[in-house]
Amino acid sequence: MLKEVGQDLRMILLDMDLEKNKTRSHPTLQAKMFCQLKGKNHLGSFWNFSIDGQPSLYFNVMNMKWIVINPRARGLKEKWENDKELVNYFRKISMGDCHHWLTEFLEHWKEMPGQ
C-alpha cells in the first residue's frame, strides 16, 4: 500500500507547480505518516509533507484539515484538498492500515526480551 502511495505522490510531484520554485530540477517530496493508538483505540492520524527538505504541509486525518507550513506549498494544498480520491486514500491508509500495522508491531514488541 505504501509503495502505491509513493508512486502516486511521485506522479503528482511531476505535475506540481510550486510557488516561487526557482530551481529547474524536479522538487523532492517526503511524506511521513503518524498514527496514535491507546490500547486498541485509534486516537489520531496525520501526515507531514516536506518539499526539498522543508516542512511544507500538514494533514490531520481526524478532522480532514490541511495546514500550509511553507508558502511554496499553497497551490499543492489547494490541489490536494480538492482531490477527494487522494484525501480518502490518505484517510484509508491512516485509519485502517496504520492501525493494523501498529497493532501487529505492538504484539511483536511484547515478545521482545526486556519488554
C-alpha atoms as a PDB file:
ATOM      1  CA  MET A   1       0.000   0.000   0.000  1.00  0.00           C
ATOM      2  CA  LEU A   2       2.753   2.468   0.919  1.00  0.00           C
ATOM      3  CA  LYS A   3       4.603   1.652  -2.302  1.00  0.00           C
ATOM      4  CA  GLU A   4       1.457   2.618  -4.237  1.00  0.00           C
ATOM      5  CA  VAL A   5       1.170   5.872  -2.304  1.00  0.00           C
ATOM      6  CA  GLY A   6       4.815   6.643  -3.101  1.00  0.00           C
ATOM      7  CA  GLN A   7       4.216   6.046  -6.803  1.00  0.00           C
ATOM      8  CA  ASP A   8       1.079   8.200  -6.793  1.00  0.00           C
ATOM      9  CA  LEU A   9       2.857  11.022  -4.989  1.00  0.00           C
ATOM     10  CA  ARG A  10       5.754  10.862  -7.473  1.00  0.00           C
ATOM     11  CA  MET A  11       3.310  11.351 -10.340  1.00  0.00           C
ATOM     12  CA  ILE A  12       1.667  14.283  -8.557  1.00  0.00           C
ATOM     13  CA  LEU A  13       5.061  15.783  -7.826  1.00  0.00           C
ATOM     14  CA  LEU A  14       5.987  15.749 -11.515  1.00  0.00           C
ATOM     15  CA  ASP A  15       2.925  17.880 -12.252  1.00  0.00           C
ATOM     16  CA  MET A  16       3.432  20.221  -9.301  1.00  0.00           C
ATOM     17  CA  ASP A  17       3.683  23.933  -9.893  1.00  0.00           C
ATOM     18  CA  LEU A  18       5.216  25.197  -6.660  1.00  0.00           C
ATOM     19  CA  GLU A  19       5.016  28.867  -5.890  1.00  0.00           C
ATOM     20  CA  LYS A  20       8.365  30.613  -6.154  1.00  0.00           C
ATOM     21  CA  ASN A  21      10.090  27.475  -7.451  1.00  0.00           C
ATOM     22  CA  LYS A  22      13.396  28.876  -8.658  1.00  0.00           C
ATOM     23  CA  THR A  23      15.067  25.556  -9.366  1.00  0.00           C
ATOM     24  CA  ARG A  24      14.915  23.916 -12.747  1.00  0.00           C
ATOM     25  CA  SER A  25      15.105  20.394 -11.345  1.00  0.00           C
ATOM     26  CA  HIS A  26      12.150  18.449 -10.001  1.00  0.00           C
ATOM     27  CA  PRO A  27      11.456  19.065  -6.303  1.00  0.00           C
ATOM     28  CA  THR A  28      11.735  16.231  -3.798  1.00  0.00           C
ATOM     29  CA  LEU A  29       8.809  15.205  -1.647  1.00  0.00           C
ATOM     30  CA  GLN A  30       8.979  13.381   1.657  1.00  0.00           C
ATOM     31  CA  ALA A  31       5.803  12.095   3.306  1.00  0.00           C
ATOM     32  CA  LYS A  32       5.599  10.918   6.904  1.00  0.00           C
ATOM     33  CA  MET A  33       2.507   9.287   8.312  1.00  0.00           C
ATOM     34  CA  PHE A  34       1.858   9.266  12.052  1.00  0.00           C
ATOM     35  CA  CYS A  35      -0.711   7.249  13.994  1.00  0.00           C
ATOM     36  CA  GLN A  36      -1.600   7.186  17.644  1.00  0.00           C
ATOM     37  CA  LEU A  37      -3.136   4.222  19.416  1.00  0.00           C
ATOM     38  CA  LYS A  38      -4.060   3.790  23.054  1.00  0.00           C
ATOM     39  CA  GLY A  39      -4.885   0.188  23.749  1.00  0.00           C
ATOM     40  CA  LYS A  40      -6.983  -0.806  20.772  1.00  0.00           C
ATOM     41  CA  ASN A  41      -8.403   2.671  20.245  1.00  0.00           C
ATOM     42  CA  HIS A  42      -7.251   4.832  17.365  1.00  0.00           C
ATOM     43  CA  LEU A  43      -6.604   8.316  18.760  1.00  0.00           C
ATOM     44  CA  GLY A  44      -5.351  10.149  15.726  1.00  0.00           C
ATOM     45  CA  SER A  45      -3.505  10.167  12.424  1.00  0.00           C
ATOM     46  CA  PHE A  46      -1.719  12.834  10.490  1.00  0.00           C
ATOM     47  CA  TRP A  47       0.682  13.322   7.614  1.00  0.00           C
ATOM     48  CA  ASN A  48       3.637  15.688   7.320  1.00  0.00           C
ATOM     49  CA  PHE A  49       4.903  16.538   3.848  1.00  0.00           C
ATOM     50  CA  SER A  50       8.283  18.145   3.176  1.00  0.00           C
ATOM     51  CA  ILE A  51       9.314  19.621  -0.157  1.00  0.00           C
ATOM     52  CA  ASP A  52      13.043  19.838  -0.868  1.00  0.00           C
ATOM     53  CA  GLY A  53      13.691  19.032   2.791  1.00  0.00           C
ATOM     54  CA  GLN A  54      11.499  21.885   4.058  1.00  0.00           C
ATOM     55  CA  PRO A  55       8.355  21.118   6.109  1.00  0.00           C
ATOM     56  CA  SER A  56       5.527  22.225   3.830  1.00  0.00           C
ATOM     57  CA  LEU A  57       2.119  20.664   4.514  1.00  0.00           C
ATOM     58  CA  TYR A  58       0.361  19.036   7.444  1.00  0.00           C
ATOM     59  CA  PHE A  59      -2.793  16.950   7.060  1.00  0.00           C
ATOM     60  CA  ASN A  60      -4.838  15.980  10.114  1.00  0.00           C
ATOM     61  CA  VAL A  61      -6.811  12.912   9.107  1.00  0.00           C
ATOM     62  CA  MET A  62      -9.149  13.099  12.093  1.00  0.00           C
ATOM     63  CA  ASN A  63     -10.612  16.488  11.186  1.00  0.00           C
ATOM     64  CA  MET A  64      -9.607  16.421   7.475  1.00  0.00           C
ATOM     65  CA  LYS A  65      -7.789  19.773   7.762  1.00  0.00           C
ATOM     66  CA  TRP A  66      -4.761  20.832   5.730  1.00  0.00           C
ATOM     67  CA  ILE A  67      -2.260  23.358   7.099  1.00  0.00           C
ATOM     68  CA  VAL A  68       0.296  25.116   4.908  1.00  0.00           C
ATOM     69  CA  ILE A  69       3.627  25.390   6.698  1.00  0.00           C
ATOM     70  CA  ASN A  70       5.642  26.637   3.726  1.00  0.00           C
ATOM     71  CA  PRO A  71       4.015  29.217   1.412  1.00  0.00           C
ATOM     72  CA  ARG A  72       5.572  27.379  -1.573  1.00  0.00           C
ATOM     73  CA  ALA A  73       3.060  24.599  -0.996  1.00  0.00           C
ATOM     74  CA  ARG A  74      -0.096  26.739  -1.110  1.00  0.00           C
ATOM     75  CA  GLY A  75      -1.032  25.568  -4.610  1.00  0.00           C
ATOM     76  CA  LEU A  76      -0.324  21.952  -3.727  1.00  0.00           C
ATOM     77  CA  LYS A  77      -2.555  22.204  -0.663  1.00  0.00           C
ATOM     78  CA  GLU A  78      -5.430  23.543  -2.749  1.00  0.00           C
ATOM     79  CA  LYS A  79      -4.945  20.844  -5.366  1.00  0.00           C
ATOM     80  CA  TRP A  80      -4.787  18.018  -2.810  1.00  0.00           C
ATOM     81  CA  GLU A  81      -7.576  19.419  -0.649  1.00  0.00           C
ATOM     82  CA  ASN A  82      -9.908  19.330  -3.672  1.00  0.00           C
ATOM     83  CA  ASP A  83      -8.810  15.831  -4.705  1.00  0.00           C
ATOM     84  CA  LYS A  84     -11.367  13.765  -2.760  1.00  0.00           C
ATOM     85  CA  GLU A  85      -9.907  10.489  -4.038  1.00  0.00           C
ATOM     86  CA  LEU A  86      -6.437  11.370  -2.708  1.00  0.00           C
ATOM     87  CA  VAL A  87      -7.832  12.602   0.621  1.00  0.00           C
ATOM     88  CA  ASN A  88      -9.807   9.368   1.027  1.00  0.00           C
ATOM     89  CA  TYR A  89      -6.658   7.411   0.123  1.00  0.00           C
ATOM     90  CA  PHE A  90      -4.693   9.118   2.925  1.00  0.00           C
ATOM     91  CA  ARG A  91      -7.601   8.572   5.303  1.00  0.00           C
ATOM     92  CA  LYS A  92      -7.949   4.877   4.414  1.00  0.00           C
ATOM     93  CA  ILE A  93      -4.257   4.224   4.940  1.00  0.00           C
ATOM     94  CA  SER A  94      -4.177   6.184   8.179  1.00  0.00           C
ATOM     95  CA  MET A  95      -7.340   4.816   9.737  1.00  0.00           C
ATOM     96  CA  GLY A  96      -7.154   1.214   8.553  1.00  0.00           C
ATOM     97  CA  ASP A  97      -3.694   0.117   7.565  1.00  0.00           C
ATOM     98  CA  CYS A  98      -1.829   2.175  10.133  1.00  0.00           C
ATOM     99  CA  HIS A  99      -3.990   0.803  12.952  1.00  0.00           C
ATOM    100  CA  HIS A 100      -3.341  -2.730  11.700  1.00  0.00           C
ATOM    101  CA  TRP A 101       0.430  -2.181  11.393  1.00  0.00           C
ATOM    102  CA  LEU A 102       0.732  -0.663  14.860  1.00  0.00           C
ATOM    103  CA  THR A 103      -1.320  -3.437  16.446  1.00  0.00           C
ATOM    104  CA  GLU A 104       0.880  -6.041  14.774  1.00  0.00           C
ATOM    105  CA  PHE A 105       4.050  -4.196  15.800  1.00  0.00           C
ATOM    106  CA  LEU A 106       2.930  -3.983  19.419  1.00  0.00           C
ATOM    107  CA  GLU A 107       2.263  -7.721  19.512  1.00  0.00           C
ATOM    108  CA  HIS A 108       5.854  -8.402  18.400  1.00  0.00           C
ATOM    109  CA  TRP A 109       7.166  -5.713  20.757  1.00  0.00           C
ATOM    110  CA  LYS A 110       5.674  -7.561  23.731  1.00  0.00           C
ATOM    111  CA  GLU A 111       7.554 -10.712  22.662  1.00  0.00           C
ATOM    112  CA  MET A 112      10.954  -8.988  22.677  1.00  0.00           C
ATOM    113  CA  PRO A 113      13.268  -9.659  25.646  1.00  0.00           C
ATOM    114  CA  GLY A 114      13.353  -6.853  28.202  1.00  0.00           C
ATOM    115  CA  GLN A 115       9.901  -5.511  27.316  1.00  0.00           C
END
